[in-house]
Amino acid sequence: MKLEEEIKQKEFKNEFQKLAVNIIYTNSWLTNLQSKTFSRFDITGTQYNILRILRGQHPNPASINLLKERMLENKCDASRLVERLRVKGLVNRKISKVDRRRADVVISDAGLDLLKSIDNVEREFNVAFKHISKDEAKTVNTLLDKMRGNNSKQK
């Protein structure tokens, strides 16, 4: 459905304003779809993001700072998220052998198993992209990268 119909707005100041609203609206739509998927596994999108980062690091540990650098959302408290995941048994957190002020975080076997389960239902989430070809997805990715340009580190 067209953006104008979704939000019941007939006109925009210009195409750039419409693009900004469309990106924000689509982000919200995707986040809601993602939340429905993750709620079945009793985790949030940001917790899933941390688990994916840790799976990529596995078997090596990750520091809280590394997690913060790689997080998709820049305003979340990685320490608190890691603690919630630790309580659920999905990660292990230990004082670093190299620097006692730093905590090393490693995904647990239960965390890896959970990600495998989520991977199995990822097809359901990918239905959101059923009307877009791989070439179109590549074009949108290129345009979004271009839009952020040199501003991507200004989180």
C-alpha atoms as a PDB file:
ATOM      1  CA  MET A   1       0.000   0.000   0.000  1.00  0.00           C
ATOM      2  CA  LYS A   2       1.227   3.495  -0.749  1.00  0.00           C
ATOM      3  CA  LEU A   3       2.498   5.644   2.101  1.00  0.00           C
ATOM      4  CA  GLU A   4      -0.162   8.286   1.497  1.00  0.00           C
ATOM      5  CA  GLU A   5      -2.870   5.663   2.044  1.00  0.00           C
ATOM      6  CA  GLU A   6      -1.154   4.107   5.077  1.00  0.00           C
ATOM      7  CA  ILE A   7      -0.817   7.364   7.005  1.00  0.00           C
ATOM      8  CA  LYS A   8      -3.731   9.164   5.337  1.00  0.00           C
ATOM      9  CA  GLN A   9      -1.698  12.129   4.146  1.00  0.00           C
ATOM     10  CA  LYS A  10      -2.292  13.388   0.637  1.00  0.00           C
ATOM     11  CA  GLU A  11       0.697  15.645   0.128  1.00  0.00           C
ATOM     12  CA  PHE A  12       4.245  16.163   1.327  1.00  0.00           C
ATOM     13  CA  LYS A  13       6.406  19.288   1.064  1.00  0.00           C
ATOM     14  CA  ASN A  14       8.680  17.460  -1.368  1.00  0.00           C
ATOM     15  CA  GLU A  15       9.981  14.005  -2.251  1.00  0.00           C
ATOM     16  CA  PHE A  16      12.743  14.232   0.375  1.00  0.00           C
ATOM     17  CA  GLN A  17      10.215  14.795   3.164  1.00  0.00           C
ATOM     18  CA  LYS A  18       8.146  11.905   1.824  1.00  0.00           C
ATOM     19  CA  LEU A  19      11.268   9.732   1.746  1.00  0.00           C
ATOM     20  CA  ALA A  20      12.109  10.568   5.367  1.00  0.00           C
ATOM     21  CA  VAL A  21       8.555   9.802   6.519  1.00  0.00           C
ATOM     22  CA  ASN A  22       8.513   6.619   4.433  1.00  0.00           C
ATOM     23  CA  ILE A  23      11.780   5.385   5.980  1.00  0.00           C
ATOM     24  CA  ILE A  24      10.579   6.148   9.517  1.00  0.00           C
ATOM     25  CA  TYR A  25       7.193   4.522   8.893  1.00  0.00           C
ATOM     26  CA  THR A  26       8.762   1.453   7.280  1.00  0.00           C
ATOM     27  CA  ASN A  27      11.248   1.123  10.149  1.00  0.00           C
ATOM     28  CA  SER A  28       8.352   1.088  12.614  1.00  0.00           C
ATOM     29  CA  TRP A  29       6.488  -1.467  10.496  1.00  0.00           C
ATOM     30  CA  LEU A  30       9.521  -3.767  10.300  1.00  0.00           C
ATOM     31  CA  THR A  31      10.262  -3.350  14.007  1.00  0.00           C
ATOM     32  CA  ASN A  32       6.691  -4.395  14.881  1.00  0.00           C
ATOM     33  CA  LEU A  33       6.943  -7.422  12.599  1.00  0.00           C
ATOM     34  CA  GLN A  34      10.278  -8.323  14.165  1.00  0.00           C
ATOM     35  CA  SER A  35       8.863  -7.915  17.683  1.00  0.00           C
ATOM     36  CA  LYS A  36       6.078 -10.375  16.921  1.00  0.00           C
ATOM     37  CA  THR A  37       8.654 -12.908  15.757  1.00  0.00           C
ATOM     38  CA  PHE A  38      10.968 -12.469  18.746  1.00  0.00           C
ATOM     39  CA  SER A  39       8.195 -12.395  21.355  1.00  0.00           C
ATOM     40  CA  ARG A  40       7.652 -16.106  20.705  1.00  0.00           C
ATOM     41  CA  PHE A  41      11.216 -16.657  21.922  1.00  0.00           C
ATOM     42  CA  ASP A  42      10.912 -14.293  24.917  1.00  0.00           C
ATOM     43  CA  ILE A  43      13.561 -11.866  23.666  1.00  0.00           C
ATOM     44  CA  THR A  44      13.579  -8.370  22.202  1.00  0.00           C
ATOM     45  CA  GLY A  45      15.079  -7.165  18.948  1.00  0.00           C
ATOM     46  CA  THR A  46      18.007  -5.564  20.762  1.00  0.00           C
ATOM     47  CA  GLN A  47      18.669  -8.788  22.688  1.00  0.00           C
ATOM     48  CA  TYR A  48      18.582 -10.672  19.389  1.00  0.00           C
ATOM     49  CA  ASN A  49      21.075  -8.174  17.976  1.00  0.00           C
ATOM     50  CA  ILE A  50      23.480  -8.850  20.858  1.00  0.00           C
ATOM     51  CA  LEU A  51      23.099 -12.612  20.448  1.00  0.00           C
ATOM     52  CA  ARG A  52      23.864 -12.352  16.718  1.00  0.00           C
ATOM     53  CA  ILE A  53      26.972 -10.268  17.412  1.00  0.00           C
ATOM     54  CA  LEU A  54      28.129 -12.819  19.987  1.00  0.00           C
ATOM     55  CA  ARG A  55      27.459 -15.705  17.598  1.00  0.00           C
ATOM     56  CA  GLY A  56      29.674 -13.943  15.058  1.00  0.00           C
ATOM     57  CA  GLN A  57      32.416 -13.615  17.685  1.00  0.00           C
ATOM     58  CA  HIS A  58      32.023 -17.193  18.943  1.00  0.00           C
ATOM     59  CA  PRO A  59      34.055 -18.807  20.448  1.00  0.00           C
ATOM     60  CA  ASN A  60      35.921 -15.575  21.204  1.00  0.00           C
ATOM     61  CA  PRO A  61      34.539 -13.258  23.886  1.00  0.00           C
ATOM     62  CA  ALA A  62      33.255  -9.748  23.216  1.00  0.00           C
ATOM     63  CA  SER A  63      33.586  -6.730  25.452  1.00  0.00           C
ATOM     64  CA  ILE A  64      30.615  -4.505  26.263  1.00  0.00           C
ATOM     65  CA  ASN A  65      32.296  -1.754  24.211  1.00  0.00           C
ATOM     66  CA  LEU A  66      32.529  -4.031  21.169  1.00  0.00           C
ATOM     67  CA  LEU A  67      28.827  -4.830  21.531  1.00  0.00           C
ATOM     68  CA  LYS A  68      27.979  -1.120  21.778  1.00  0.00           C
ATOM     69  CA  GLU A  69      29.993  -0.385  18.611  1.00  0.00           C
ATOM     70  CA  ARG A  70      28.202  -3.066  16.617  1.00  0.00           C
ATOM     71  CA  MET A  71      24.671  -2.571  17.910  1.00  0.00           C
ATOM     72  CA  LEU A  72      22.091  -1.429  15.385  1.00  0.00           C
ATOM     73  CA  GLU A  73      20.469   0.802  17.990  1.00  0.00           C
ATOM     74  CA  ASN A  74      22.920   3.266  19.446  1.00  0.00           C
ATOM     75  CA  LYS A  75      20.906   4.350  22.478  1.00  0.00           C
ATOM     76  CA  CYS A  76      20.597   1.062  24.300  1.00  0.00           C
ATOM     77  CA  ASP A  77      22.365   0.026  27.463  1.00  0.00           C
ATOM     78  CA  ALA A  78      24.408  -2.979  26.365  1.00  0.00           C
ATOM     79  CA  SER A  79      25.455  -3.812  29.937  1.00  0.00           C
ATOM     80  CA  ARG A  80      21.843  -4.105  31.081  1.00  0.00           C
ATOM     81  CA  LEU A  81      20.878  -6.125  27.989  1.00  0.00           C
ATOM     82  CA  VAL A  82      23.768  -8.528  28.571  1.00  0.00           C
ATOM     83  CA  GLU A  83      22.687  -8.959  32.194  1.00  0.00           C
ATOM     84  CA  ARG A  84      19.140  -9.832  31.112  1.00  0.00           C
ATOM     85  CA  LEU A  85      20.516 -12.361  28.634  1.00  0.00           C
ATOM     86  CA  ARG A  86      22.791 -13.786  31.347  1.00  0.00           C
ATOM     87  CA  VAL A  87      19.830 -14.256  33.697  1.00  0.00           C
ATOM     88  CA  LYS A  88      18.043 -16.156  30.893  1.00  0.00           C
ATOM     89  CA  GLY A  89      21.123 -18.376  30.493  1.00  0.00           C
ATOM     90  CA  LEU A  90      21.790 -17.186  26.939  1.00  0.00           C
ATOM     91  CA  VAL A  91      25.211 -15.607  27.587  1.00  0.00           C
ATOM     92  CA  ASN A  92      28.067 -15.970  30.039  1.00  0.00           C
ATOM     93  CA  ARG A  93      29.808 -12.928  31.476  1.00  0.00           C
ATOM     94  CA  LYS A  94      33.228 -13.066  33.111  1.00  0.00           C
ATOM     95  CA  ILE A  95      35.832 -10.579  34.259  1.00  0.00           C
ATOM     96  CA  SER A  96      38.490 -10.272  31.548  1.00  0.00           C
ATOM     97  CA  LYS A  97      41.809 -11.983  32.213  1.00  0.00           C
ATOM     98  CA  VAL A  98      43.553  -9.142  30.359  1.00  0.00           C
ATOM     99  CA  ASP A  99      41.804  -6.155  31.978  1.00  0.00           C
ATOM    100  CA  ARG A 100      39.965  -6.640  35.284  1.00  0.00           C
ATOM    101  CA  ARG A 101      37.825  -3.540  34.607  1.00  0.00           C
ATOM    102  CA  ARG A 102      36.376  -5.176  31.503  1.00  0.00           C
ATOM    103  CA  ALA A 103      33.787  -7.944  31.245  1.00  0.00           C
ATOM    104  CA  ASP A 104      34.065 -10.602  28.562  1.00  0.00           C
ATOM    105  CA  VAL A 105      30.765 -11.863  27.179  1.00  0.00           C
ATOM    106  CA  VAL A 106      30.336 -15.174  25.355  1.00  0.00           C
ATOM    107  CA  ILE A 107      27.175 -16.680  23.928  1.00  0.00           C
ATOM    108  CA  SER A 108      26.145 -19.866  25.740  1.00  0.00           C
ATOM    109  CA  ASP A 109      25.060 -23.134  24.129  1.00  0.00           C
ATOM    110  CA  ALA A 110      21.475 -22.195  25.035  1.00  0.00           C
ATOM    111  CA  GLY A 111      21.962 -18.875  23.211  1.00  0.00           C
ATOM    112  CA  LEU A 112      23.286 -20.649  20.138  1.00  0.00           C
ATOM    113  CA  ASP A 113      20.343 -23.071  20.231  1.00  0.00           C
ATOM    114  CA  LEU A 114      17.901 -20.183  20.517  1.00  0.00           C
ATOM    115  CA  LEU A 115      19.421 -18.490  17.461  1.00  0.00           C
ATOM    116  CA  LYS A 116      19.083 -21.746  15.504  1.00  0.00           C
ATOM    117  CA  SER A 117      15.401 -21.828  16.402  1.00  0.00           C
ATOM    118  CA  ILE A 118      14.975 -18.219  15.327  1.00  0.00           C
ATOM    119  CA  ASP A 119      16.859 -18.924  12.090  1.00  0.00           C
ATOM    120  CA  ASN A 120      14.274 -21.618  11.336  1.00  0.00           C
ATOM    121  CA  VAL A 121      11.400 -19.110  11.461  1.00  0.00           C
ATOM    122  CA  GLU A 122      13.297 -16.306   9.741  1.00  0.00           C
ATOM    123  CA  ARG A 123      11.449 -17.213   6.533  1.00  0.00           C
ATOM    124  CA  GLU A 124       8.280 -15.854   8.130  1.00  0.00           C
ATOM    125  CA  PHE A 125       9.952 -12.490   8.673  1.00  0.00           C
ATOM    126  CA  ASN A 126      11.331 -12.467   5.125  1.00  0.00           C
ATOM    127  CA  VAL A 127       7.759 -12.520   3.787  1.00  0.00           C
ATOM    128  CA  ALA A 128       7.928  -8.764   4.377  1.00  0.00           C
ATOM    129  CA  PHE A 129      10.178  -8.587   1.316  1.00  0.00           C
ATOM    130  CA  LYS A 130       8.137 -10.835  -0.988  1.00  0.00           C
ATOM    131  CA  HIS A 131       7.287  -7.973  -3.374  1.00  0.00           C
ATOM    132  CA  ILE A 132      10.913  -6.919  -3.820  1.00  0.00           C
ATOM    133  CA  SER A 133      13.406  -8.618  -6.138  1.00  0.00           C
ATOM    134  CA  LYS A 134      17.024  -9.194  -5.147  1.00  0.00           C
ATOM    135  CA  ASP A 135      18.093  -6.478  -7.603  1.00  0.00           C
ATOM    136  CA  GLU A 136      15.604  -4.030  -6.099  1.00  0.00           C
ATOM    137  CA  ALA A 137      16.819  -4.886  -2.595  1.00  0.00           C
ATOM    138  CA  LYS A 138      20.397  -4.257  -3.723  1.00  0.00           C
ATOM    139  CA  THR A 139      19.363  -0.876  -5.181  1.00  0.00           C
ATOM    140  CA  VAL A 140      17.581   0.172  -1.979  1.00  0.00           C
ATOM    141  CA  ASN A 141      20.618  -0.897   0.078  1.00  0.00           C
ATOM    142  CA  THR A 142      22.906   1.142  -2.177  1.00  0.00           C
ATOM    143  CA  LEU A 143      20.650   4.204  -1.941  1.00  0.00           C
ATOM    144  CA  LEU A 144      20.376   3.978   1.854  1.00  0.00           C
ATOM    145  CA  ASP A 145      24.167   3.642   2.141  1.00  0.00           C
ATOM    146  CA  LYS A 146      24.531   6.649  -0.156  1.00  0.00           C
ATOM    147  CA  MET A 147      22.002   8.658   1.846  1.00  0.00           C
ATOM    148  CA  ARG A 148      23.945   8.112   5.072  1.00  0.00           C
ATOM    149  CA  GLY A 149      27.185   8.975   3.273  1.00  0.00           C
ATOM    150  CA  ASN A 150      29.771  10.234   5.728  1.00  0.00           C
ATOM    151  CA  ASN A 151      27.140  10.792   8.397  1.00  0.00           C
ATOM    152  CA  SER A 152      26.806   7.146   9.505  1.00  0.00           C
ATOM    153  CA  LYS A 153      29.164   7.568  12.482  1.00  0.00           C
ATOM    154  CA  GLN A 154      27.235  10.587  13.811  1.00  0.00           C
ATOM    155  CA  LYS A 155      24.924   8.432  15.925  1.00  0.00           C
END
